Amino acid sequence: MIKLAKREEQIMQAFWDVDKAFIRDIIPLLPEPKPHYNSVATMVKILEEKGFLGHDVVGNMFCYFPVISREEYQKHALKDVVSQYFDNSYPRMLAFFAKEQNLSEDELTEIVNLIKNKES
């Protein structure tokens, strides 16, 4: 799976939030500074070419929808981060976040419980 550029990811976040939308409906959901309609339309076309979006024809307009779920992309993005920065070691990644984010004992316990529940 291809890693998305920052603005592409912002557009995909908007589509994941609403599920189906016309380009004009996505622009207000994007962070400031708001891109021009034509810029968003170009990026939406690129996202469709990359296989992230599909469309339905509604009258003479396209209504776009995500083809790849947020969860699929998160899984892929996380694997990339673990691979690039933590030598493919999830324990190293968790240790890094525990240290850098000053996680409390309660938060660490919550993480351990989530992991234990996943295993059952």
PDB file of N, CA and C in Angstrom:
ATOM      1  N   MET A   1       0.852  -1.179   0.000  1.00  0.00           N
ATOM      2  CA  MET A   1       0.000   0.000   0.000  1.00  0.00           C
ATOM      3  C   MET A   1       0.897   1.242   0.000  1.00  0.00           C
ATOM      4  N   ILE A   2       0.474   2.241  -0.702  1.00  0.00           N
ATOM      5  CA  ILE A   2       1.222   3.490  -0.855  1.00  0.00           C
ATOM      6  C   ILE A   2       0.995   4.388   0.361  1.00  0.00           C
ATOM      7  N   LYS A   3       2.060   5.042   0.818  1.00  0.00           N
ATOM      8  CA  LYS A   3       1.936   6.027   1.893  1.00  0.00           C
ATOM      9  C   LYS A   3       1.382   7.310   1.280  1.00  0.00           C
ATOM     10  N   LEU A   4       0.421   7.898   1.957  1.00  0.00           N
ATOM     11  CA  LEU A   4      -0.211   9.114   1.457  1.00  0.00           C
ATOM     12  C   LEU A   4       0.561  10.354   1.894  1.00  0.00           C
ATOM     13  N   ALA A   5       0.527  11.378   1.035  1.00  0.00           N
ATOM     14  CA  ALA A   5       1.061  12.685   1.398  1.00  0.00           C
ATOM     15  C   ALA A   5       0.135  13.306   2.449  1.00  0.00           C
ATOM     16  N   LYS A   6       0.619  14.316   3.143  1.00  0.00           N
ATOM     17  CA  LYS A   6      -0.137  14.929   4.244  1.00  0.00           C
ATOM     18  C   LYS A   6      -1.540  15.371   3.814  1.00  0.00           C
ATOM     19  N   ARG A   7      -1.648  16.123   2.742  1.00  0.00           N
ATOM     20  CA  ARG A   7      -2.958  16.632   2.309  1.00  0.00           C
ATOM     21  C   ARG A   7      -3.842  15.481   1.814  1.00  0.00           C
ATOM     22  N   GLU A   8      -3.244  14.483   1.145  1.00  0.00           N
ATOM     23  CA  GLU A   8      -4.028  13.325   0.717  1.00  0.00           C
ATOM     24  C   GLU A   8      -4.619  12.616   1.930  1.00  0.00           C
ATOM     25  N   GLU A   9      -3.816  12.473   2.964  1.00  0.00           N
ATOM     26  CA  GLU A   9      -4.299  11.822   4.177  1.00  0.00           C
ATOM     27  C   GLU A   9      -5.417  12.635   4.835  1.00  0.00           C
ATOM     28  N   GLN A  10      -5.298  13.957   4.811  1.00  0.00           N
ATOM     29  CA  GLN A  10      -6.353  14.814   5.362  1.00  0.00           C
ATOM     30  C   GLN A  10      -7.661  14.619   4.580  1.00  0.00           C
ATOM     31  N   ILE A  11      -7.556  14.507   3.274  1.00  0.00           N
ATOM     32  CA  ILE A  11      -8.741  14.288   2.446  1.00  0.00           C
ATOM     33  C   ILE A  11      -9.348  12.925   2.759  1.00  0.00           C
ATOM     34  N   MET A  12      -8.497  11.919   2.887  1.00  0.00           N
ATOM     35  CA  MET A  12      -9.004  10.583   3.217  1.00  0.00           C
ATOM     36  C   MET A  12      -9.654  10.581   4.596  1.00  0.00           C
ATOM     37  N   GLN A  13      -9.087  11.294   5.566  1.00  0.00           N
ATOM     38  CA  GLN A  13      -9.704  11.370   6.899  1.00  0.00           C
ATOM     39  C   GLN A  13     -11.125  11.928   6.777  1.00  0.00           C
ATOM     40  N   ALA A  14     -11.290  12.933   5.944  1.00  0.00           N
ATOM     41  CA  ALA A  14     -12.621  13.518   5.745  1.00  0.00           C
ATOM     42  C   ALA A  14     -13.574  12.495   5.125  1.00  0.00           C
ATOM     43  N   PHE A  15     -13.109  11.770   4.117  1.00  0.00           N
ATOM     44  CA  PHE A  15     -13.969  10.752   3.502  1.00  0.00           C
ATOM     45  C   PHE A  15     -14.287   9.626   4.486  1.00  0.00           C
ATOM     46  N   TRP A  16     -13.307   9.222   5.303  1.00  0.00           N
ATOM     47  CA  TRP A  16     -13.573   8.181   6.296  1.00  0.00           C
ATOM     48  C   TRP A  16     -14.611   8.654   7.309  1.00  0.00           C
ATOM     49  N   ASP A  17     -14.590   9.946   7.616  1.00  0.00           N
ATOM     50  CA  ASP A  17     -15.554  10.484   8.585  1.00  0.00           C
ATOM     51  C   ASP A  17     -16.979  10.511   8.035  1.00  0.00           C
ATOM     52  N   VAL A  18     -17.129  10.806   6.735  1.00  0.00           N
ATOM     53  CA  VAL A  18     -18.475  10.962   6.167  1.00  0.00           C
ATOM     54  C   VAL A  18     -18.925   9.787   5.305  1.00  0.00           C
ATOM     55  N   ASP A  19     -17.995   8.962   4.890  1.00  0.00           N
ATOM     56  CA  ASP A  19     -18.247   7.756   4.100  1.00  0.00           C
ATOM     57  C   ASP A  19     -18.470   8.026   2.613  1.00  0.00           C
ATOM     58  N   LYS A  20     -19.382   8.912   2.255  1.00  0.00           N
ATOM     59  CA  LYS A  20     -19.644   9.264   0.852  1.00  0.00           C
ATOM     60  C   LYS A  20     -19.828  10.762   0.765  1.00  0.00           C
ATOM     61  N   ALA A  21     -19.242  11.371  -0.274  1.00  0.00           N
ATOM     62  CA  ALA A  21     -19.387  12.825  -0.379  1.00  0.00           C
ATOM     63  C   ALA A  21     -18.967  13.319  -1.757  1.00  0.00           C
ATOM     64  N   PHE A  22     -19.497  14.482  -2.078  1.00  0.00           N
ATOM     65  CA  PHE A  22     -19.036  15.223  -3.246  1.00  0.00           C
ATOM     66  C   PHE A  22     -17.826  16.050  -2.798  1.00  0.00           C
ATOM     67  N   ILE A  23     -17.020  16.466  -3.744  1.00  0.00           N
ATOM     68  CA  ILE A  23     -15.819  17.248  -3.406  1.00  0.00           C
ATOM     69  C   ILE A  23     -16.190  18.486  -2.604  1.00  0.00           C
ATOM     70  N   ARG A  24     -17.250  19.166  -2.995  1.00  0.00           N
ATOM     71  CA  ARG A  24     -17.639  20.401  -2.295  1.00  0.00           C
ATOM     72  C   ARG A  24     -17.972  20.152  -0.820  1.00  0.00           C
ATOM     73  N   ASP A  25     -18.394  18.915  -0.488  1.00  0.00           N
ATOM     74  CA  ASP A  25     -18.733  18.579   0.897  1.00  0.00           C
ATOM     75  C   ASP A  25     -17.494  18.293   1.742  1.00  0.00           C
ATOM     76  N   ILE A  26     -16.401  17.956   1.096  1.00  0.00           N
ATOM     77  CA  ILE A  26     -15.170  17.605   1.800  1.00  0.00           C
ATOM     78  C   ILE A  26     -14.374  18.845   2.201  1.00  0.00           C
ATOM     79  N   ILE A  27     -14.384  19.862   1.385  1.00  0.00           N
ATOM     80  CA  ILE A  27     -13.549  21.052   1.614  1.00  0.00           C
ATOM     81  C   ILE A  27     -13.764  21.657   2.999  1.00  0.00           C
ATOM     82  N   PRO A  28     -14.992  21.838   3.479  1.00  0.00           N
ATOM     83  CA  PRO A  28     -15.167  22.411   4.821  1.00  0.00           C
ATOM     84  C   PRO A  28     -14.604  21.528   5.949  1.00  0.00           C
ATOM     85  N   LEU A  29     -14.410  20.251   5.679  1.00  0.00           N
ATOM     86  CA  LEU A  29     -13.896  19.337   6.694  1.00  0.00           C
ATOM     87  C   LEU A  29     -12.371  19.344   6.783  1.00  0.00           C
ATOM     88  N   LEU A  30     -11.720  19.999   5.822  1.00  0.00           N
ATOM     89  CA  LEU A  30     -10.252  20.031   5.788  1.00  0.00           C
ATOM     90  C   LEU A  30      -9.722  21.150   6.672  1.00  0.00           C
ATOM     91  N   PRO A  31      -8.504  20.945   7.219  1.00  0.00           N
ATOM     92  CA  PRO A  31      -7.928  21.978   8.086  1.00  0.00           C
ATOM     93  C   PRO A  31      -7.539  23.226   7.297  1.00  0.00           C
ATOM     94  N   GLU A  32      -7.404  24.320   8.031  1.00  0.00           N
ATOM     95  CA  GLU A  32      -6.951  25.583   7.433  1.00  0.00           C
ATOM     96  C   GLU A  32      -5.472  25.460   7.077  1.00  0.00           C
ATOM     97  N   PRO A  33      -5.009  26.136   6.060  1.00  0.00           N
ATOM     98  CA  PRO A  33      -5.790  26.904   5.092  1.00  0.00           C
ATOM     99  C   PRO A  33      -6.540  25.964   4.151  1.00  0.00           C
ATOM    100  N   LYS A  34      -7.799  26.306   3.889  1.00  0.00           N
ATOM    101  CA  LYS A  34      -8.633  25.484   3.019  1.00  0.00           C
ATOM    102  C   LYS A  34      -8.069  25.520   1.597  1.00  0.00           C
ATOM    103  N   PRO A  35      -7.880  24.350   0.998  1.00  0.00           N
ATOM    104  CA  PRO A  35      -7.397  24.340  -0.384  1.00  0.00           C
ATOM    105  C   PRO A  35      -8.507  24.742  -1.349  1.00  0.00           C
ATOM    106  N   HIS A  36      -8.123  25.174  -2.519  1.00  0.00           N
ATOM    107  CA  HIS A  36      -9.063  25.539  -3.563  1.00  0.00           C
ATOM    108  C   HIS A  36      -9.761  24.278  -4.082  1.00  0.00           C
ATOM    109  N   TYR A  37     -10.974  24.415  -4.537  1.00  0.00           N
ATOM    110  CA  TYR A  37     -11.758  23.294  -5.065  1.00  0.00           C
ATOM    111  C   TYR A  37     -10.962  22.494  -6.093  1.00  0.00           C
ATOM    112  N   ASN A  38     -10.309  23.194  -7.031  1.00  0.00           N
ATOM    113  CA  ASN A  38      -9.568  22.501  -8.096  1.00  0.00           C
ATOM    114  C   ASN A  38      -8.425  21.666  -7.531  1.00  0.00           C
ATOM    115  N   SER A  39      -7.777  22.162  -6.480  1.00  0.00           N
ATOM    116  CA  SER A  39      -6.692  21.405  -5.844  1.00  0.00           C
ATOM    117  C   SER A  39      -7.229  20.125  -5.220  1.00  0.00           C
ATOM    118  N   VAL A  40      -8.359  20.233  -4.533  1.00  0.00           N
ATOM    119  CA  VAL A  40      -8.972  19.054  -3.911  1.00  0.00           C
ATOM    120  C   VAL A  40      -9.414  18.075  -4.996  1.00  0.00           C
ATOM    121  N   ALA A  41     -10.001  18.586  -6.064  1.00  0.00           N
ATOM    122  CA  ALA A  41     -10.453  17.719  -7.159  1.00  0.00           C
ATOM    123  C   ALA A  41      -9.278  16.945  -7.761  1.00  0.00           C
ATOM    124  N   THR A  42      -8.148  17.615  -7.920  1.00  0.00           N
ATOM    125  CA  THR A  42      -6.952  16.951  -8.448  1.00  0.00           C
ATOM    126  C   THR A  42      -6.482  15.854  -7.494  1.00  0.00           C
ATOM    127  N   MET A  43      -6.458  16.166  -6.201  1.00  0.00           N
ATOM    128  CA  MET A  43      -6.005  15.178  -5.217  1.00  0.00           C
ATOM    129  C   MET A  43      -6.981  14.008  -5.109  1.00  0.00           C
ATOM    130  N   VAL A  44      -8.266  14.285  -5.224  1.00  0.00           N
ATOM    131  CA  VAL A  44      -9.270  13.217  -5.192  1.00  0.00           C
ATOM    132  C   VAL A  44      -9.060  12.285  -6.391  1.00  0.00           C
ATOM    133  N   LYS A  45      -8.783  12.859  -7.550  1.00  0.00           N
ATOM    134  CA  LYS A  45      -8.522  12.045  -8.740  1.00  0.00           C
ATOM    135  C   LYS A  45      -7.287  11.173  -8.519  1.00  0.00           C
ATOM    136  N   ILE A  46      -6.258  11.735  -7.924  1.00  0.00           N
ATOM    137  CA  ILE A  46      -5.033  10.973  -7.634  1.00  0.00           C
ATOM    138  C   ILE A  46      -5.332   9.855  -6.630  1.00  0.00           C
ATOM    139  N   LEU A  47      -6.131  10.164  -5.610  1.00  0.00           N
ATOM    140  CA  LEU A  47      -6.495   9.143  -4.615  1.00  0.00           C
ATOM    141  C   LEU A  47      -7.292   8.013  -5.265  1.00  0.00           C
ATOM    142  N   GLU A  48      -8.106   8.364  -6.242  1.00  0.00           N
ATOM    143  CA  GLU A  48      -8.860   7.344  -6.965  1.00  0.00           C
ATOM    144  C   GLU A  48      -7.912   6.481  -7.801  1.00  0.00           C
ATOM    145  N   GLU A  49      -6.937   7.115  -8.447  1.00  0.00           N
ATOM    146  CA  GLU A  49      -5.959   6.376  -9.253  1.00  0.00           C
ATOM    147  C   GLU A  49      -5.107   5.454  -8.376  1.00  0.00           C
ATOM    148  N   LYS A  50      -4.834   5.880  -7.146  1.00  0.00           N
ATOM    149  CA  LYS A  50      -4.051   5.069  -6.214  1.00  0.00           C
ATOM    150  C   LYS A  50      -4.875   3.952  -5.578  1.00  0.00           C
ATOM    151  N   GLY A  51      -6.188   3.963  -5.828  1.00  0.00           N
ATOM    152  CA  GLY A  51      -7.046   2.913  -5.302  1.00  0.00           C
ATOM    153  C   GLY A  51      -7.617   3.180  -3.924  1.00  0.00           C
ATOM    154  N   PHE A  52      -7.538   4.412  -3.448  1.00  0.00           N
ATOM    155  CA  PHE A  52      -8.071   4.755  -2.135  1.00  0.00           C
ATOM    156  C   PHE A  52      -9.538   5.172  -2.186  1.00  0.00           C
ATOM    157  N   LEU A  53      -9.958   5.739  -3.312  1.00  0.00           N
ATOM    158  CA  LEU A  53     -11.338   6.204  -3.471  1.00  0.00           C
ATOM    159  C   LEU A  53     -11.973   5.577  -4.702  1.00  0.00           C
ATOM    160  N   GLY A  54     -13.281   5.457  -4.653  1.00  0.00           N
ATOM    161  CA  GLY A  54     -14.077   5.077  -5.808  1.00  0.00           C
ATOM    162  C   GLY A  54     -15.157   6.133  -5.969  1.00  0.00           C
ATOM    163  N   HIS A  55     -15.973   6.027  -7.007  1.00  0.00           N
ATOM    164  CA  HIS A  55     -17.046   7.011  -7.165  1.00  0.00           C
ATOM    165  C   HIS A  55     -18.289   6.384  -7.783  1.00  0.00           C
ATOM    166  N   ASP A  56     -19.402   7.016  -7.488  1.00  0.00           N
ATOM    167  CA  ASP A  56     -20.679   6.742  -8.136  1.00  0.00           C
ATOM    168  C   ASP A  56     -21.045   7.994  -8.914  1.00  0.00           C
ATOM    169  N   VAL A  57     -21.715   7.815 -10.040  1.00  0.00           N
ATOM    170  CA  VAL A  57     -22.171   8.959 -10.823  1.00  0.00           C
ATOM    171  C   VAL A  57     -23.573   9.322 -10.344  1.00  0.00           C
ATOM    172  N   VAL A  58     -23.732  10.594  -9.944  1.00  0.00           N
ATOM    173  CA  VAL A  58     -25.027  11.102  -9.496  1.00  0.00           C
ATOM    174  C   VAL A  58     -25.351  12.292 -10.393  1.00  0.00           C
ATOM    175  N   GLY A  59     -26.243  12.080 -11.334  1.00  0.00           N
ATOM    176  CA  GLY A  59     -26.516  13.123 -12.323  1.00  0.00           C
ATOM    177  C   GLY A  59     -25.272  13.323 -13.167  1.00  0.00           C
ATOM    178  N   ASN A  60     -24.744  14.547 -13.147  1.00  0.00           N
ATOM    179  CA  ASN A  60     -23.509  14.812 -13.882  1.00  0.00           C
ATOM    180  C   ASN A  60     -22.325  15.039 -12.928  1.00  0.00           C
ATOM    181  N   MET A  61     -22.453  14.546 -11.701  1.00  0.00           N
ATOM    182  CA  MET A  61     -21.398  14.732 -10.699  1.00  0.00           C
ATOM    183  C   MET A  61     -20.946  13.379 -10.162  1.00  0.00           C
ATOM    184  N   PHE A  62     -19.755  13.372  -9.580  1.00  0.00           N
ATOM    185  CA  PHE A  62     -19.217  12.163  -8.955  1.00  0.00           C
ATOM    186  C   PHE A  62     -19.358  12.259  -7.448  1.00  0.00           C
ATOM    187  N   CYS A  63     -19.874  11.217  -6.839  1.00  0.00           N
ATOM    188  CA  CYS A  63     -19.943  11.100  -5.384  1.00  0.00           C
ATOM    189  C   CYS A  63     -18.886  10.057  -5.003  1.00  0.00           C
ATOM    190  N   TYR A  64     -17.902  10.480  -4.221  1.00  0.00           N
ATOM    191  CA  TYR A  64     -16.754   9.633  -3.902  1.00  0.00           C
ATOM    192  C   TYR A  64     -16.948   8.902  -2.580  1.00  0.00           C
ATOM    193  N   PHE A  65     -16.298   7.750  -2.464  1.00  0.00           N
ATOM    194  CA  PHE A  65     -16.350   6.946  -1.247  1.00  0.00           C
ATOM    195  C   PHE A  65     -15.019   6.228  -1.061  1.00  0.00           C
ATOM    196  N   PRO A  66     -14.644   5.950   0.190  1.00  0.00           N
ATOM    197  CA  PRO A  66     -13.384   5.241   0.448  1.00  0.00           C
ATOM    198  C   PRO A  66     -13.470   3.785  -0.014  1.00  0.00           C
ATOM    199  N   VAL A  67     -12.412   3.316  -0.641  1.00  0.00           N
ATOM    200  CA  VAL A  67     -12.284   1.919  -1.035  1.00  0.00           C
ATOM    201  C   VAL A  67     -11.450   1.187   0.018  1.00  0.00           C
ATOM    202  N   ILE A  68     -10.508   1.906   0.611  1.00  0.00           N
ATOM    203  CA  ILE A  68      -9.658   1.368   1.675  1.00  0.00           C
ATOM    204  C   ILE A  68     -10.144   1.963   2.985  1.00  0.00           C
ATOM    205  N   SER A  69     -10.366   1.108   3.976  1.00  0.00           N
ATOM    206  CA  SER A  69     -10.864   1.587   5.265  1.00  0.00           C
ATOM    207  C   SER A  69      -9.767   2.287   6.059  1.00  0.00           C
ATOM    208  N   ARG A  70     -10.199   3.089   7.002  1.00  0.00           N
ATOM    209  CA  ARG A  70      -9.275   3.774   7.902  1.00  0.00           C
ATOM    210  C   ARG A  70      -8.403   2.739   8.628  1.00  0.00           C
ATOM    211  N   GLU A  71      -9.041   1.643   9.070  1.00  0.00           N
ATOM    212  CA  GLU A  71      -8.321   0.604   9.815  1.00  0.00           C
ATOM    213  C   GLU A  71      -7.239  -0.056   8.956  1.00  0.00           C
ATOM    214  N   GLU A  72      -7.550  -0.319   7.683  1.00  0.00           N
ATOM    215  CA  GLU A  72      -6.544  -0.901   6.782  1.00  0.00           C
ATOM    216  C   GLU A  72      -5.350   0.035   6.654  1.00  0.00           C
ATOM    217  N   TYR A  73      -5.632   1.331   6.464  1.00  0.00           N
ATOM    218  CA  TYR A  73      -4.547   2.290   6.295  1.00  0.00           C
ATOM    219  C   TYR A  73      -3.756   2.452   7.596  1.00  0.00           C
ATOM    220  N   GLN A  74      -4.447   2.494   8.736  1.00  0.00           N
ATOM    221  CA  GLN A  74      -3.757   2.608  10.024  1.00  0.00           C
ATOM    222  C   GLN A  74      -2.797   1.446  10.219  1.00  0.00           C
ATOM    223  N   LYS A  75      -3.277   0.243   9.918  1.00  0.00           N
ATOM    224  CA  LYS A  75      -2.452  -0.950  10.080  1.00  0.00           C
ATOM    225  C   LYS A  75      -1.188  -0.837   9.230  1.00  0.00           C
ATOM    226  N   HIS A  76      -1.356  -0.419   7.986  1.00  0.00           N
ATOM    227  CA  HIS A  76      -0.224  -0.277   7.079  1.00  0.00           C
ATOM    228  C   HIS A  76       0.728   0.827   7.559  1.00  0.00           C
ATOM    229  N   ALA A  77       0.171   1.964   7.951  1.00  0.00           N
ATOM    230  CA  ALA A  77       0.998   3.092   8.392  1.00  0.00           C
ATOM    231  C   ALA A  77       1.778   2.725   9.653  1.00  0.00           C
ATOM    232  N   LEU A  78       1.133   2.018  10.576  1.00  0.00           N
ATOM    233  CA  LEU A  78       1.810   1.619  11.802  1.00  0.00           C
ATOM    234  C   LEU A  78       2.943   0.649  11.513  1.00  0.00           C
ATOM    235  N   LYS A  79       2.702  -0.296  10.611  1.00  0.00           N
ATOM    236  CA  LYS A  79       3.764  -1.239  10.232  1.00  0.00           C
ATOM    237  C   LYS A  79       4.958  -0.480   9.668  1.00  0.00           C
ATOM    238  N   ASP A  80       4.702   0.547   8.858  1.00  0.00           N
ATOM    239  CA  ASP A  80       5.791   1.352   8.300  1.00  0.00           C
ATOM    240  C   ASP A  80       6.584   2.053   9.396  1.00  0.00           C
ATOM    241  N   VAL A  81       5.889   2.639  10.359  1.00  0.00           N
ATOM    242  CA  VAL A  81       6.557   3.347  11.458  1.00  0.00           C
ATOM    243  C   VAL A  81       7.401   2.365  12.273  1.00  0.00           C
ATOM    244  N   VAL A  82       6.824   1.222  12.606  1.00  0.00           N
ATOM    245  CA  VAL A  82       7.551   0.225  13.398  1.00  0.00           C
ATOM    246  C   VAL A  82       8.773  -0.260  12.623  1.00  0.00           C
ATOM    247  N   SER A  83       8.614  -0.460  11.332  1.00  0.00           N
ATOM    248  CA  SER A  83       9.723  -0.915  10.495  1.00  0.00           C
ATOM    249  C   SER A  83      10.822   0.143  10.384  1.00  0.00           C
ATOM    250  N   GLN A  84      10.442   1.388  10.105  1.00  0.00           N
ATOM    251  CA  GLN A  84      11.416   2.448   9.856  1.00  0.00           C
ATOM    252  C   GLN A  84      12.119   2.953  11.115  1.00  0.00           C
ATOM    253  N   TYR A  85      11.403   2.992  12.245  1.00  0.00           N
ATOM    254  CA  TYR A  85      11.956   3.651  13.423  1.00  0.00           C
ATOM    255  C   TYR A  85      12.232   2.730  14.606  1.00  0.00           C
ATOM    256  N   PHE A  86      11.711   1.501  14.572  1.00  0.00           N
ATOM    257  CA  PHE A  86      11.838   0.630  15.740  1.00  0.00           C
ATOM    258  C   PHE A  86      12.316  -0.773  15.391  1.00  0.00           C
ATOM    259  N   ASP A  87      13.025  -0.941  14.262  1.00  0.00           N
ATOM    260  CA  ASP A  87      13.578  -2.234  13.856  1.00  0.00           C
ATOM    261  C   ASP A  87      12.545  -3.361  13.883  1.00  0.00           C
ATOM    262  N   ASN A  88      11.354  -3.068  13.417  1.00  0.00           N
ATOM    263  CA  ASN A  88      10.262  -4.053  13.393  1.00  0.00           C
ATOM    264  C   ASN A  88       9.923  -4.616  14.771  1.00  0.00           C
ATOM    265  N   SER A  89      10.156  -3.835  15.808  1.00  0.00           N
ATOM    266  CA  SER A  89       9.908  -4.305  17.177  1.00  0.00           C
ATOM    267  C   SER A  89       8.785  -3.485  17.818  1.00  0.00           C
ATOM    268  N   TYR A  90       7.634  -4.138  18.000  1.00  0.00           N
ATOM    269  CA  TYR A  90       6.525  -3.478  18.678  1.00  0.00           C
ATOM    270  C   TYR A  90       6.858  -3.199  20.146  1.00  0.00           C
ATOM    271  N   PRO A  91       7.561  -4.101  20.850  1.00  0.00           N
ATOM    272  CA  PRO A  91       7.953  -3.777  22.231  1.00  0.00           C
ATOM    273  C   PRO A  91       8.811  -2.509  22.314  1.00  0.00           C
ATOM    274  N   ARG A  92       9.741  -2.336  21.355  1.00  0.00           N
ATOM    275  CA  ARG A  92      10.549  -1.105  21.339  1.00  0.00           C
ATOM    276  C   ARG A  92       9.671   0.124  21.130  1.00  0.00           C
ATOM    277  N   MET A  93       8.705  -0.001  20.232  1.00  0.00           N
ATOM    278  CA  MET A  93       7.805   1.118  19.969  1.00  0.00           C
ATOM    279  C   MET A  93       7.007   1.459  21.231  1.00  0.00           C
ATOM    280  N   LEU A  94       6.450   0.437  21.885  1.00  0.00           N
ATOM    281  CA  LEU A  94       5.669   0.677  23.098  1.00  0.00           C
ATOM    282  C   LEU A  94       6.534   1.283  24.198  1.00  0.00           C
ATOM    283  N   ALA A  95       7.764   0.790  24.333  1.00  0.00           N
ATOM    284  CA  ALA A  95       8.677   1.342  25.344  1.00  0.00           C
ATOM    285  C   ALA A  95       8.974   2.811  25.046  1.00  0.00           C
ATOM    286  N   PHE A  96       9.170   3.126  23.774  1.00  0.00           N
ATOM    287  CA  PHE A  96       9.420   4.516  23.370  1.00  0.00           C
ATOM    288  C   PHE A  96       8.253   5.417  23.772  1.00  0.00           C
ATOM    289  N   PHE A  97       7.037   4.993  23.439  1.00  0.00           N
ATOM    290  CA  PHE A  97       5.876   5.813  23.758  1.00  0.00           C
ATOM    291  C   PHE A  97       5.647   5.900  25.267  1.00  0.00           C
ATOM    292  N   ALA A  98       5.887   4.822  25.967  1.00  0.00           N
ATOM    293  CA  ALA A  98       5.721   4.837  27.420  1.00  0.00           C
ATOM    294  C   ALA A  98       6.671   5.858  28.040  1.00  0.00           C
ATOM    295  N   LYS A  99       7.901   5.897  27.536  1.00  0.00           N
ATOM    296  CA  LYS A  99       8.910   6.824  28.072  1.00  0.00           C
ATOM    297  C   LYS A  99       8.650   8.264  27.615  1.00  0.00           C
ATOM    298  N   GLU A 100       8.471   8.441  26.303  1.00  0.00           N
ATOM    299  CA  GLU A 100       8.355   9.789  25.733  1.00  0.00           C
ATOM    300  C   GLU A 100       7.049  10.487  26.091  1.00  0.00           C
ATOM    301  N   GLN A 101       5.990   9.729  26.266  1.00  0.00           N
ATOM    302  CA  GLN A 101       4.696  10.337  26.561  1.00  0.00           C
ATOM    303  C   GLN A 101       4.391  10.350  28.053  1.00  0.00           C
ATOM    304  N   ASN A 102       5.359   9.907  28.853  1.00  0.00           N
ATOM    305  CA  ASN A 102       5.185   9.866  30.310  1.00  0.00           C
ATOM    306  C   ASN A 102       3.860   9.217  30.693  1.00  0.00           C
ATOM    307  N   LEU A 103       3.646   8.020  30.176  1.00  0.00           N
ATOM    308  CA  LEU A 103       2.404   7.315  30.461  1.00  0.00           C
ATOM    309  C   LEU A 103       2.321   6.983  31.949  1.00  0.00           C
ATOM    310  N   SER A 104       1.135   7.133  32.488  1.00  0.00           N
ATOM    311  CA  SER A 104       0.923   6.818  33.900  1.00  0.00           C
ATOM    312  C   SER A 104       0.840   5.308  34.077  1.00  0.00           C
ATOM    313  N   GLU A 105       0.920   4.862  35.320  1.00  0.00           N
ATOM    314  CA  GLU A 105       0.794   3.439  35.607  1.00  0.00           C
ATOM    315  C   GLU A 105      -0.577   2.926  35.160  1.00  0.00           C
ATOM    316  N   ASP A 106      -1.618   3.744  35.341  1.00  0.00           N
ATOM    317  CA  ASP A 106      -2.967   3.356  34.915  1.00  0.00           C
ATOM    318  C   ASP A 106      -3.029   3.170  33.394  1.00  0.00           C
ATOM    319  N   GLU A 107      -2.383   4.076  32.657  1.00  0.00           N
ATOM    320  CA  GLU A 107      -2.388   3.962  31.197  1.00  0.00           C
ATOM    321  C   GLU A 107      -1.629   2.712  30.747  1.00  0.00           C
ATOM    322  N   LEU A 108      -0.500   2.428  31.407  1.00  0.00           N
ATOM    323  CA  LEU A 108       0.256   1.225  31.069  1.00  0.00           C
ATOM    324  C   LEU A 108      -0.554  -0.034  31.379  1.00  0.00           C
ATOM    325  N   THR A 109      -1.254  -0.017  32.501  1.00  0.00           N
ATOM    326  CA  THR A 109      -2.114  -1.145  32.864  1.00  0.00           C
ATOM    327  C   THR A 109      -3.216  -1.320  31.832  1.00  0.00           C
ATOM    328  N   GLU A 110      -3.783  -0.209  31.370  1.00  0.00           N
ATOM    329  CA  GLU A 110      -4.824  -0.270  30.344  1.00  0.00           C
ATOM    330  C   GLU A 110      -4.289  -0.900  29.061  1.00  0.00           C
ATOM    331  N   ILE A 111      -3.066  -0.537  28.669  1.00  0.00           N
ATOM    332  CA  ILE A 111      -2.447  -1.110  27.467  1.00  0.00           C
ATOM    333  C   ILE A 111      -2.253  -2.618  27.638  1.00  0.00           C
ATOM    334  N   VAL A 112      -1.736  -3.021  28.800  1.00  0.00           N
ATOM    335  CA  VAL A 112      -1.524  -4.444  29.063  1.00  0.00           C
ATOM    336  C   VAL A 112      -2.853  -5.192  29.015  1.00  0.00           C
ATOM    337  N   ASN A 113      -3.897  -4.615  29.603  1.00  0.00           N
ATOM    338  CA  ASN A 113      -5.220  -5.257  29.585  1.00  0.00           C
ATOM    339  C   ASN A 113      -5.758  -5.373  28.151  1.00  0.00           C
ATOM    340  N   LEU A 114      -5.557  -4.351  27.348  1.00  0.00           N
ATOM    341  CA  LEU A 114      -5.994  -4.410  25.941  1.00  0.00           C
ATOM    342  C   LEU A 114      -5.290  -5.539  25.208  1.00  0.00           C
ATOM    343  N   ILE A 115      -3.995  -5.675  25.456  1.00  0.00           N
ATOM    344  CA  ILE A 115      -3.214  -6.740  24.812  1.00  0.00           C
ATOM    345  C   ILE A 115      -3.698  -8.106  25.280  1.00  0.00           C
ATOM    346  N   LYS A 116      -3.919  -8.246  26.590  1.00  0.00           N
ATOM    347  CA  LYS A 116      -4.396  -9.516  27.131  1.00  0.00           C
ATOM    348  C   LYS A 116      -5.770  -9.875  26.563  1.00  0.00           C
ATOM    349  N   ASN A 117      -6.651  -8.922  26.456  1.00  0.00           N
ATOM    350  CA  ASN A 117      -7.989  -9.174  25.919  1.00  0.00           C
ATOM    351  C   ASN A 117      -7.957  -9.534  24.444  1.00  0.00           C
ATOM    352  N   LYS A 118      -6.976  -9.002  23.721  1.00  0.00           N
ATOM    353  CA  LYS A 118      -6.812  -9.303  22.297  1.00  0.00           C
ATOM    354  C   LYS A 118      -6.426 -10.756  22.108  1.00  0.00           C
ATOM    355  N   GLU A 119      -5.625 -11.273  23.040  1.00  0.00           N
ATOM    356  CA  GLU A 119      -5.141 -12.645  22.936  1.00  0.00           C
ATOM    357  C   GLU A 119      -6.229 -13.666  23.189  1.00  0.00           C
ATOM    358  N   SER A 120      -7.279 -13.300  23.931  1.00  0.00           N
ATOM    359  CA  SER A 120      -8.312 -14.297  24.243  1.00  0.00           C
ATOM    360  C   SER A 120      -9.389 -14.397  23.204  1.00  0.00           C
TER     361      SER A 120
END
